[in-house]
Amino acid sequence: MGSLEDQGHPTLLARRLGRDGKKKAVVATAHTLLRIVYFVLTTRRPYQEYGAEYGVASAEARTRRVIAQLQRQGYTVTKAA
């Protein structure tokens, strides 16, 4: 079986290495892990992995949000066919 990265799932550190330098990526990853450990210890709940798609909004959801925002500002929005 190999690591998750071998299976096409980049690790948190690997994703950050692409954006930041090595030092920043290591510190940011350590910070994330410390926050997770703190949460688990203080709430006494087990850690639950949300998956790679957690927090990624779909295009439809973003469209609905933008339309609602425009309507609140007084615009009439119609979707083109």
Protein backbone atom coordinates (compact mmCIF):
# COMPACT_ATOMS: atom_id res chain seq x y z
CA MET A 1 0.00 0.00 0.00
CA GLY A 2 2.21 3.19 -0.04
CA SER A 3 1.74 6.55 1.46
CA LEU A 4 -1.21 8.77 0.63
CA GLU A 5 1.09 10.90 -1.48
CA ASP A 6 2.01 7.84 -3.55
CA GLN A 7 -1.71 7.27 -4.15
CA GLY A 8 -2.23 10.76 -5.57
CA HIS A 9 -3.16 12.52 -2.31
CA PRO A 10 -0.54 15.17 -1.56
CA THR A 11 0.22 15.69 2.09
CA LEU A 12 -0.33 19.01 3.82
CA LEU A 13 3.41 19.67 3.73
CA ALA A 14 3.69 18.75 0.05
CA ARG A 15 0.86 21.14 -0.86
CA ARG A 16 2.47 23.95 1.09
CA LEU A 17 5.89 23.32 -0.40
CA GLY A 18 4.43 24.21 -3.77
CA ARG A 19 3.29 27.62 -2.51
CA ASP A 20 5.84 28.60 0.13
CA GLY A 21 9.48 28.01 0.75
CA LYS A 22 10.60 24.96 2.70
CA LYS A 23 10.97 26.74 6.05
CA LYS A 24 7.58 28.43 5.86
CA ALA A 25 5.91 25.19 4.80
CA VAL A 26 7.43 23.26 7.71
CA VAL A 27 6.44 25.93 10.27
CA ALA A 28 2.91 26.23 8.86
CA THR A 29 2.46 22.45 8.91
CA ALA A 30 3.75 22.22 12.49
CA HIS A 31 1.34 24.98 13.48
CA THR A 32 -1.58 23.12 11.93
CA LEU A 33 -0.62 19.90 13.70
CA LEU A 34 -0.32 21.70 17.05
CA ARG A 35 -3.79 23.21 16.58
CA ILE A 36 -5.21 19.76 15.84
CA VAL A 37 -3.53 18.21 18.89
CA TYR A 38 -4.73 21.07 21.11
CA PHE A 39 -8.29 20.66 19.87
CA VAL A 40 -8.26 16.89 20.42
CA LEU A 41 -6.83 17.23 23.94
CA THR A 42 -9.10 20.06 25.07
CA THR A 43 -12.36 18.67 23.66
CA ARG A 44 -11.53 15.02 24.35
CA ARG A 45 -13.02 14.13 21.00
CA PRO A 46 -11.21 11.96 18.46
CA TYR A 47 -9.65 13.57 15.43
CA GLN A 48 -11.85 13.39 12.34
CA GLU A 49 -10.33 13.79 8.89
CA TYR A 50 -12.60 15.85 6.66
CA GLY A 51 -10.92 14.91 3.40
CA ALA A 52 -9.21 16.77 0.60
CA GLU A 53 -12.38 18.47 -0.62
CA TYR A 54 -13.28 20.02 2.75
CA GLY A 55 -13.63 23.78 2.45
CA VAL A 56 -13.66 23.80 -1.33
CA ALA A 57 -16.84 25.46 -2.49
CA SER A 58 -18.46 24.28 -5.65
CA ALA A 59 -18.94 26.62 -8.59
CA GLU A 60 -22.71 26.41 -8.09
CA ALA A 61 -22.51 27.45 -4.45
CA ARG A 62 -20.27 30.38 -5.36
CA THR A 63 -22.70 31.45 -8.09
CA ARG A 64 -25.62 31.36 -5.63
CA ARG A 65 -23.65 33.42 -3.12
CA VAL A 66 -22.68 36.06 -5.67
CA ILE A 67 -26.25 36.31 -7.02
CA ALA A 68 -27.64 36.73 -3.50
CA GLN A 69 -25.05 39.39 -2.76
CA LEU A 70 -25.94 41.34 -5.91
CA GLN A 71 -29.65 41.08 -5.14
CA ARG A 72 -29.07 42.45 -1.65
CA GLN A 73 -27.38 45.43 -3.29
CA GLY A 74 -30.48 46.07 -5.40
CA TYR A 75 -29.52 44.47 -8.70
CA THR A 76 -31.86 42.25 -10.66
CA VAL A 77 -30.00 39.14 -11.71
CA THR A 78 -31.13 36.75 -14.42
CA LYS A 79 -29.20 33.71 -15.46
CA ALA A 80 -28.40 33.48 -19.18
CA ALA A 81 -29.47 30.32 -20.94
